[in-house]
Amino acid sequence: MVVVVIIQFIMSLTASLMSSLYEILYARDFGTFTGVDLLESYGVTEFLLRFLKSFGSWFILFINVVPISLVVSLEMVKFIQGYMI
């Protein structure tokens, strides 16, 4: 279970980093949709904010990596093992 969450974290980290870098490299294309020149507004804090927002979005999108049945089965095994102690 811990390994699956670590893999999900790494996948989210990679996807959000690539998404943020893509957004910086092609900021002129995004400016046509928003009407704001994004190249002028990029700094370290803006990058970190966009990175964190993107990370949260990707983490939620990858939440299906951990199936609910696995979580339920794991909790049942813990309950039964605790009962046997």
PDB file of N, CA and C in Angstrom:
ATOM      1  N   MET A   1       0.833  -1.195   0.000  1.00  0.00           N
ATOM      2  CA  MET A   1       0.000   0.000   0.000  1.00  0.00           C
ATOM      3  C   MET A   1       0.876   1.256   0.000  1.00  0.00           C
ATOM      4  N   VAL A   2       1.919   1.232   0.820  1.00  0.00           N
ATOM      5  CA  VAL A   2       2.824   2.383   0.889  1.00  0.00           C
ATOM      6  C   VAL A   2       3.558   2.563  -0.434  1.00  0.00           C
ATOM      7  N   VAL A   3       3.928   1.465  -1.053  1.00  0.00           N
ATOM      8  CA  VAL A   3       4.634   1.534  -2.337  1.00  0.00           C
ATOM      9  C   VAL A   3       3.732   2.149  -3.397  1.00  0.00           C
ATOM     10  N   VAL A   4       2.459   1.799  -3.381  1.00  0.00           N
ATOM     11  CA  VAL A   4       1.519   2.347  -4.364  1.00  0.00           C
ATOM     12  C   VAL A   4       1.372   3.854  -4.173  1.00  0.00           C
ATOM     13  N   VAL A   5       1.299   4.308  -2.937  1.00  0.00           N
ATOM     14  CA  VAL A   5       1.183   5.746  -2.664  1.00  0.00           C
ATOM     15  C   VAL A   5       2.464   6.470  -3.067  1.00  0.00           C
ATOM     16  N   ILE A   6       3.608   5.857  -2.838  1.00  0.00           N
ATOM     17  CA  ILE A   6       4.886   6.464  -3.245  1.00  0.00           C
ATOM     18  C   ILE A   6       4.950   6.570  -4.767  1.00  0.00           C
ATOM     19  N   ILE A   7       4.502   5.532  -5.460  1.00  0.00           N
ATOM     20  CA  ILE A   7       4.481   5.580  -6.928  1.00  0.00           C
ATOM     21  C   ILE A   7       3.532   6.665  -7.407  1.00  0.00           C
ATOM     22  N   GLN A   8       2.374   6.782  -6.757  1.00  0.00           N
ATOM     23  CA  GLN A   8       1.419   7.835  -7.113  1.00  0.00           C
ATOM     24  C   GLN A   8       2.035   9.216  -6.884  1.00  0.00           C
ATOM     25  N   PHE A   9       2.756   9.395  -5.786  1.00  0.00           N
ATOM     26  CA  PHE A   9       3.410  10.667  -5.491  1.00  0.00           C
ATOM     27  C   PHE A   9       4.456  10.998  -6.549  1.00  0.00           C
ATOM     28  N   ILE A  10       5.247  10.015  -6.938  1.00  0.00           N
ATOM     29  CA  ILE A  10       6.285  10.242  -7.951  1.00  0.00           C
ATOM     30  C   ILE A  10       5.663  10.572  -9.307  1.00  0.00           C
ATOM     31  N   MET A  11       4.595   9.856  -9.665  1.00  0.00           N
ATOM     32  CA  MET A  11       3.912  10.143 -10.932  1.00  0.00           C
ATOM     33  C   MET A  11       3.325  11.552 -10.925  1.00  0.00           C
ATOM     34  N   SER A  12       2.729  11.960  -9.818  1.00  0.00           N
ATOM     35  CA  SER A  12       2.152  13.303  -9.709  1.00  0.00           C
ATOM     36  C   SER A  12       3.234  14.367  -9.761  1.00  0.00           C
ATOM     37  N   LEU A  13       4.348  14.110  -9.088  1.00  0.00           N
ATOM     38  CA  LEU A  13       5.463  15.052  -9.090  1.00  0.00           C
ATOM     39  C   LEU A  13       6.019  15.239 -10.493  1.00  0.00           C
ATOM     40  N   THR A  14       6.208  14.146 -11.206  1.00  0.00           N
ATOM     41  CA  THR A  14       6.734  14.208 -12.572  1.00  0.00           C
ATOM     42  C   THR A  14       5.759  14.928 -13.506  1.00  0.00           C
ATOM     43  N   ALA A  15       4.496  14.581 -13.425  1.00  0.00           N
ATOM     44  CA  ALA A  15       3.505  15.191 -14.315  1.00  0.00           C
ATOM     45  C   ALA A  15       3.351  16.686 -14.044  1.00  0.00           C
ATOM     46  N   SER A  16       3.354  17.086 -12.779  1.00  0.00           N
ATOM     47  CA  SER A  16       3.208  18.506 -12.472  1.00  0.00           C
ATOM     48  C   SER A  16       4.444  19.298 -12.863  1.00  0.00           C
ATOM     49  N   LEU A  17       5.622  18.721 -12.724  1.00  0.00           N
ATOM     50  CA  LEU A  17       6.840  19.403 -13.155  1.00  0.00           C
ATOM     51  C   LEU A  17       6.841  19.592 -14.667  1.00  0.00           C
ATOM     52  N   MET A  18       6.483  18.544 -15.396  1.00  0.00           N
ATOM     53  CA  MET A  18       6.438  18.653 -16.855  1.00  0.00           C
ATOM     54  C   MET A  18       5.364  19.642 -17.303  1.00  0.00           C
ATOM     55  N   SER A  19       4.226  19.637 -16.625  1.00  0.00           N
ATOM     56  CA  SER A  19       3.146  20.560 -16.958  1.00  0.00           C
ATOM     57  C   SER A  19       3.572  22.011 -16.719  1.00  0.00           C
ATOM     58  N   SER A  20       4.223  22.257 -15.599  1.00  0.00           N
ATOM     59  CA  SER A  20       4.672  23.619 -15.284  1.00  0.00           C
ATOM     60  C   SER A  20       5.749  24.089 -16.259  1.00  0.00           C
ATOM     61  N   LEU A  21       6.676  23.211 -16.596  1.00  0.00           N
ATOM     62  CA  LEU A  21       7.718  23.578 -17.561  1.00  0.00           C
ATOM     63  C   LEU A  21       7.129  23.826 -18.944  1.00  0.00           C
ATOM     64  N   TYR A  22       6.173  23.022 -19.340  1.00  0.00           N
ATOM     65  CA  TYR A  22       5.517  23.217 -20.639  1.00  0.00           C
ATOM     66  C   TYR A  22       4.801  24.559 -20.662  1.00  0.00           C
ATOM     67  N   GLU A  23       4.174  24.885 -19.553  1.00  0.00           N
ATOM     68  CA  GLU A  23       3.452  26.152 -19.479  1.00  0.00           C
ATOM     69  C   GLU A  23       4.404  27.342 -19.572  1.00  0.00           C
ATOM     70  N   ILE A  24       5.587  27.217 -18.986  1.00  0.00           N
ATOM     71  CA  ILE A  24       6.568  28.307 -19.072  1.00  0.00           C
ATOM     72  C   ILE A  24       7.122  28.411 -20.491  1.00  0.00           C
ATOM     73  N   LEU A  25       7.455  27.279 -21.095  1.00  0.00           N
ATOM     74  CA  LEU A  25       8.063  27.307 -22.421  1.00  0.00           C
ATOM     75  C   LEU A  25       7.112  27.823 -23.491  1.00  0.00           C
ATOM     76  N   TYR A  26       5.833  27.531 -23.344  1.00  0.00           N
ATOM     77  CA  TYR A  26       4.845  27.935 -24.337  1.00  0.00           C
ATOM     78  C   TYR A  26       3.853  28.933 -23.762  1.00  0.00           C
ATOM     79  N   ALA A  27       4.363  29.862 -22.962  1.00  0.00           N
ATOM     80  CA  ALA A  27       3.497  30.829 -22.277  1.00  0.00           C
ATOM     81  C   ALA A  27       2.804  31.762 -23.261  1.00  0.00           C
ATOM     82  N   ARG A  28       3.410  32.048 -24.402  1.00  0.00           N
ATOM     83  CA  ARG A  28       2.768  32.930 -25.376  1.00  0.00           C
ATOM     84  C   ARG A  28       1.465  32.328 -25.886  1.00  0.00           C
ATOM     85  N   ASP A  29       1.448  31.010 -26.053  1.00  0.00           N
ATOM     86  CA  ASP A  29       0.238  30.359 -26.531  1.00  0.00           C
ATOM     87  C   ASP A  29      -0.885  30.426 -25.497  1.00  0.00           C
ATOM     88  N   PHE A  30      -0.532  30.348 -24.206  1.00  0.00           N
ATOM     89  CA  PHE A  30      -1.540  30.444 -23.161  1.00  0.00           C
ATOM     90  C   PHE A  30      -2.057  31.864 -23.015  1.00  0.00           C
ATOM     91  N   GLY A  31      -1.246  32.853 -23.370  1.00  0.00           N
ATOM     92  CA  GLY A  31      -1.658  34.246 -23.261  1.00  0.00           C
ATOM     93  C   GLY A  31      -2.784  34.596 -24.202  1.00  0.00           C
ATOM     94  N   THR A  32      -2.893  33.897 -25.315  1.00  0.00           N
ATOM     95  CA  THR A  32      -3.978  34.193 -26.251  1.00  0.00           C
ATOM     96  C   THR A  32      -5.332  33.819 -25.669  1.00  0.00           C
ATOM     97  N   PHE A  33      -5.354  32.817 -24.780  1.00  0.00           N
ATOM     98  CA  PHE A  33      -6.616  32.412 -24.165  1.00  0.00           C
ATOM     99  C   PHE A  33      -7.012  33.334 -23.020  1.00  0.00           C
ATOM    100  N   THR A  34      -6.023  33.804 -22.263  1.00  0.00           N
ATOM    101  CA  THR A  34      -6.322  34.607 -21.075  1.00  0.00           C
ATOM    102  C   THR A  34      -6.262  36.102 -21.337  1.00  0.00           C
ATOM    103  N   GLY A  35      -5.585  36.511 -22.399  1.00  0.00           N
ATOM    104  CA  GLY A  35      -5.436  37.929 -22.685  1.00  0.00           C
ATOM    105  C   GLY A  35      -4.332  38.590 -21.880  1.00  0.00           C
ATOM    106  N   VAL A  36      -3.552  37.801 -21.145  1.00  0.00           N
ATOM    107  CA  VAL A  36      -2.475  38.322 -20.306  1.00  0.00           C
ATOM    108  C   VAL A  36      -1.165  37.745 -20.828  1.00  0.00           C
ATOM    109  N   ASP A  37      -0.137  38.579 -20.873  1.00  0.00           N
ATOM    110  CA  ASP A  37       1.170  38.099 -21.284  1.00  0.00           C
ATOM    111  C   ASP A  37       1.803  37.362 -20.112  1.00  0.00           C
ATOM    112  N   LEU A  38       1.813  36.041 -20.180  1.00  0.00           N
ATOM    113  CA  LEU A  38       2.292  35.250 -19.055  1.00  0.00           C
ATOM    114  C   LEU A  38       3.799  35.275 -18.902  1.00  0.00           C
ATOM    115  N   LEU A  39       4.521  35.592 -19.971  1.00  0.00           N
ATOM    116  CA  LEU A  39       5.979  35.613 -19.861  1.00  0.00           C
ATOM    117  C   LEU A  39       6.451  36.708 -18.920  1.00  0.00           C
ATOM    118  N   GLU A  40       5.743  37.819 -18.865  1.00  0.00           N
ATOM    119  CA  GLU A  40       6.149  38.900 -17.979  1.00  0.00           C
ATOM    120  C   GLU A  40       5.834  38.590 -16.533  1.00  0.00           C
ATOM    121  N   SER A  41       4.832  37.775 -16.276  1.00  0.00           N
ATOM    122  CA  SER A  41       4.396  37.547 -14.903  1.00  0.00           C
ATOM    123  C   SER A  41       5.054  36.339 -14.248  1.00  0.00           C
ATOM    124  N   TYR A  42       5.933  35.625 -14.959  1.00  0.00           N
ATOM    125  CA  TYR A  42       6.537  34.443 -14.364  1.00  0.00           C
ATOM    126  C   TYR A  42       7.717  34.804 -13.493  1.00  0.00           C
ATOM    127  N   GLY A  43       7.713  34.311 -12.293  1.00  0.00           N
ATOM    128  CA  GLY A  43       8.807  34.396 -11.355  1.00  0.00           C
ATOM    129  C   GLY A  43       8.857  33.082 -10.596  1.00  0.00           C
ATOM    130  N   VAL A  44       9.701  33.032  -9.587  1.00  0.00           N
ATOM    131  CA  VAL A  44       9.845  31.792  -8.830  1.00  0.00           C
ATOM    132  C   VAL A  44       8.580  31.486  -8.042  1.00  0.00           C
ATOM    133  N   THR A  45       8.008  32.502  -7.410  1.00  0.00           N
ATOM    134  CA  THR A  45       6.799  32.245  -6.614  1.00  0.00           C
ATOM    135  C   THR A  45       5.619  31.842  -7.486  1.00  0.00           C
ATOM    136  N   GLU A  46       5.496  32.463  -8.664  1.00  0.00           N
ATOM    137  CA  GLU A  46       4.420  32.078  -9.567  1.00  0.00           C
ATOM    138  C   GLU A  46       4.604  30.647 -10.059  1.00  0.00           C
ATOM    139  N   PHE A  47       5.859  30.283 -10.336  1.00  0.00           N
ATOM    140  CA  PHE A  47       6.137  28.912 -10.765  1.00  0.00           C
ATOM    141  C   PHE A  47       5.775  27.925  -9.661  1.00  0.00           C
ATOM    142  N   LEU A  48       6.160  28.228  -8.422  1.00  0.00           N
ATOM    143  CA  LEU A  48       5.860  27.325  -7.313  1.00  0.00           C
ATOM    144  C   LEU A  48       4.358  27.205  -7.073  1.00  0.00           C
ATOM    145  N   LEU A  49       3.637  28.321  -7.177  1.00  0.00           N
ATOM    146  CA  LEU A  49       2.185  28.255  -7.002  1.00  0.00           C
ATOM    147  C   LEU A  49       1.533  27.414  -8.089  1.00  0.00           C
ATOM    148  N   ARG A  50       1.952  27.627  -9.333  1.00  0.00           N
ATOM    149  CA  ARG A  50       1.402  26.825 -10.431  1.00  0.00           C
ATOM    150  C   ARG A  50       1.787  25.355 -10.282  1.00  0.00           C
ATOM    151  N   PHE A  51       3.018  25.118  -9.812  1.00  0.00           N
ATOM    152  CA  PHE A  51       3.481  23.751  -9.602  1.00  0.00           C
ATOM    153  C   PHE A  51       2.644  23.056  -8.527  1.00  0.00           C
ATOM    154  N   LEU A  52       2.383  23.732  -7.418  1.00  0.00           N
ATOM    155  CA  LEU A  52       1.599  23.133  -6.332  1.00  0.00           C
ATOM    156  C   LEU A  52       0.154  22.884  -6.756  1.00  0.00           C
ATOM    157  N   LYS A  53      -0.434  23.840  -7.484  1.00  0.00           N
ATOM    158  CA  LYS A  53      -1.795  23.630  -7.979  1.00  0.00           C
ATOM    159  C   LYS A  53      -1.835  22.454  -8.945  1.00  0.00           C
ATOM    160  N   SER A  54      -0.855  22.391  -9.806  1.00  0.00           N
ATOM    161  CA  SER A  54      -0.784  21.299 -10.769  1.00  0.00           C
ATOM    162  C   SER A  54      -0.546  19.965 -10.055  1.00  0.00           C
ATOM    163  N   PHE A  55       0.298  19.967  -9.028  1.00  0.00           N
ATOM    164  CA  PHE A  55       0.566  18.738  -8.281  1.00  0.00           C
ATOM    165  C   PHE A  55      -0.712  18.226  -7.622  1.00  0.00           C
ATOM    166  N   GLY A  56      -1.468  19.119  -7.021  1.00  0.00           N
ATOM    167  CA  GLY A  56      -2.727  18.709  -6.403  1.00  0.00           C
ATOM    168  C   GLY A  56      -3.691  18.129  -7.412  1.00  0.00           C
ATOM    169  N   SER A  57      -3.764  18.758  -8.571  1.00  0.00           N
ATOM    170  CA  SER A  57      -4.656  18.251  -9.621  1.00  0.00           C
ATOM    171  C   SER A  57      -4.219  16.870 -10.102  1.00  0.00           C
ATOM    172  N   TRP A  58      -2.929  16.701 -10.343  1.00  0.00           N
ATOM    173  CA  TRP A  58      -2.433  15.411 -10.816  1.00  0.00           C
ATOM    174  C   TRP A  58      -2.584  14.335  -9.749  1.00  0.00           C
ATOM    175  N   PHE A  59      -2.396  14.701  -8.482  1.00  0.00           N
ATOM    176  CA  PHE A  59      -2.533  13.722  -7.400  1.00  0.00           C
ATOM    177  C   PHE A  59      -3.975  13.211  -7.340  1.00  0.00           C
ATOM    178  N   ILE A  60      -4.921  14.127  -7.504  1.00  0.00           N
ATOM    179  CA  ILE A  60      -6.325  13.725  -7.504  1.00  0.00           C
ATOM    180  C   ILE A  60      -6.640  12.885  -8.745  1.00  0.00           C
ATOM    181  N   LEU A  61      -6.059  13.235  -9.884  1.00  0.00           N
ATOM    182  CA  LEU A  61      -6.302  12.448 -11.091  1.00  0.00           C
ATOM    183  C   LEU A  61      -5.730  11.034 -10.987  1.00  0.00           C
ATOM    184  N   PHE A  62      -4.598  10.891 -10.302  1.00  0.00           N
ATOM    185  CA  PHE A  62      -3.967   9.575 -10.165  1.00  0.00           C
ATOM    186  C   PHE A  62      -4.474   8.805  -8.950  1.00  0.00           C
ATOM    187  N   ILE A  63      -5.496   9.299  -8.269  1.00  0.00           N
ATOM    188  CA  ILE A  63      -6.005   8.629  -7.074  1.00  0.00           C
ATOM    189  C   ILE A  63      -6.592   7.258  -7.412  1.00  0.00           C
ATOM    190  N   ASN A  64      -6.975   7.050  -8.662  1.00  0.00           N
ATOM    191  CA  ASN A  64      -7.533   5.759  -9.067  1.00  0.00           C
ATOM    192  C   ASN A  64      -6.489   4.662  -9.162  1.00  0.00           C
ATOM    193  N   VAL A  65      -5.231   5.002  -8.955  1.00  0.00           N
ATOM    194  CA  VAL A  65      -4.182   3.990  -8.957  1.00  0.00           C
ATOM    195  C   VAL A  65      -4.399   3.035  -7.782  1.00  0.00           C
ATOM    196  N   VAL A  66      -4.884   3.560  -6.655  1.00  0.00           N
ATOM    197  CA  VAL A  66      -5.158   2.735  -5.479  1.00  0.00           C
ATOM    198  C   VAL A  66      -6.631   2.333  -5.527  1.00  0.00           C
ATOM    199  N   PRO A  67      -6.925   1.093  -5.851  1.00  0.00           N
ATOM    200  CA  PRO A  67      -8.324   0.684  -5.920  1.00  0.00           C
ATOM    201  C   PRO A  67      -8.949   0.624  -4.522  1.00  0.00           C
ATOM    202  N   ILE A  68     -10.226   0.921  -4.439  1.00  0.00           N
ATOM    203  CA  ILE A  68     -10.920   0.937  -3.152  1.00  0.00           C
ATOM    204  C   ILE A  68     -10.975  -0.464  -2.556  1.00  0.00           C
ATOM    205  N   SER A  69     -11.081  -1.473  -3.389  1.00  0.00           N
ATOM    206  CA  SER A  69     -11.130  -2.840  -2.874  1.00  0.00           C
ATOM    207  C   SER A  69      -9.845  -3.206  -2.142  1.00  0.00           C
ATOM    208  N   LEU A  70      -8.709  -2.679  -2.591  1.00  0.00           N
ATOM    209  CA  LEU A  70      -7.447  -2.937  -1.909  1.00  0.00           C
ATOM    210  C   LEU A  70      -7.454  -2.309  -0.526  1.00  0.00           C
ATOM    211  N   VAL A  71      -7.972  -1.113  -0.408  1.00  0.00           N
ATOM    212  CA  VAL A  71      -8.029  -0.440   0.879  1.00  0.00           C
ATOM    213  C   VAL A  71      -8.952  -1.188   1.831  1.00  0.00           C
ATOM    214  N   VAL A  72     -10.110  -1.611   1.353  1.00  0.00           N
ATOM    215  CA  VAL A  72     -11.063  -2.352   2.182  1.00  0.00           C
ATOM    216  C   VAL A  72     -10.458  -3.686   2.617  1.00  0.00           C
ATOM    217  N   SER A  73      -9.821  -4.391   1.698  1.00  0.00           N
ATOM    218  CA  SER A  73      -9.200  -5.678   2.039  1.00  0.00           C
ATOM    219  C   SER A  73      -8.096  -5.501   3.070  1.00  0.00           C
ATOM    220  N   LEU A  74      -7.302  -4.469   2.931  1.00  0.00           N
ATOM    221  CA  LEU A  74      -6.221  -4.209   3.870  1.00  0.00           C
ATOM    222  C   LEU A  74      -6.764  -3.909   5.260  1.00  0.00           C
ATOM    223  N   GLU A  75      -7.824  -3.121   5.340  1.00  0.00           N
ATOM    224  CA  GLU A  75      -8.428  -2.809   6.632  1.00  0.00           C
ATOM    225  C   GLU A  75      -9.048  -4.041   7.269  1.00  0.00           C
ATOM    226  N   MET A  76      -9.649  -4.911   6.471  1.00  0.00           N
ATOM    227  CA  MET A  76     -10.223  -6.144   7.018  1.00  0.00           C
ATOM    228  C   MET A  76      -9.133  -7.057   7.564  1.00  0.00           C
ATOM    229  N   VAL A  77      -8.025  -7.158   6.864  1.00  0.00           N
ATOM    230  CA  VAL A  77      -6.912  -7.983   7.334  1.00  0.00           C
ATOM    231  C   VAL A  77      -6.363  -7.409   8.641  1.00  0.00           C
ATOM    232  N   LYS A  78      -6.227  -6.109   8.731  1.00  0.00           N
ATOM    233  CA  LYS A  78      -5.747  -5.488   9.972  1.00  0.00           C
ATOM    234  C   LYS A  78      -6.712  -5.764  11.126  1.00  0.00           C
ATOM    235  N   PHE A  79      -8.011  -5.696  10.864  1.00  0.00           N
ATOM    236  CA  PHE A  79      -9.013  -5.943  11.896  1.00  0.00           C
ATOM    237  C   PHE A  79      -8.931  -7.388  12.390  1.00  0.00           C
ATOM    238  N   ILE A  80      -8.843  -8.332  11.462  1.00  0.00           N
ATOM    239  CA  ILE A  80      -8.780  -9.744  11.831  1.00  0.00           C
ATOM    240  C   ILE A  80      -7.486 -10.047  12.593  1.00  0.00           C
ATOM    241  N   GLN A  81      -6.373  -9.471  12.136  1.00  0.00           N
ATOM    242  CA  GLN A  81      -5.125  -9.686  12.842  1.00  0.00           C
ATOM    243  C   GLN A  81      -5.165  -9.071  14.241  1.00  0.00           C
ATOM    244  N   GLY A  82      -5.793  -7.919  14.375  1.00  0.00           N
ATOM    245  CA  GLY A  82      -5.939  -7.297  15.691  1.00  0.00           C
ATOM    246  C   GLY A  82      -6.835  -8.113  16.602  1.00  0.00           C
ATOM    247  N   TYR A  83      -7.837  -8.773  16.068  1.00  0.00           N
ATOM    248  CA  TYR A  83      -8.750  -9.595  16.837  1.00  0.00           C
ATOM    249  C   TYR A  83      -8.039 -10.850  17.348  1.00  0.00           C
ATOM    250  N   MET A  84      -7.079 -11.361  16.568  1.00  0.00           N
ATOM    251  CA  MET A  84      -6.375 -12.571  16.965  1.00  0.00           C
ATOM    252  C   MET A  84      -5.325 -12.328  18.034  1.00  0.00           C
ATOM    253  N   ILE A  85      -4.950 -11.096  18.252  1.00  0.00           N
ATOM    254  CA  ILE A  85      -3.908 -10.792  19.259  1.00  0.00           C
ATOM    255  C   ILE A  85      -4.430 -10.942  20.632  1.00  0.00           C
TER     256      ILE A  85
END
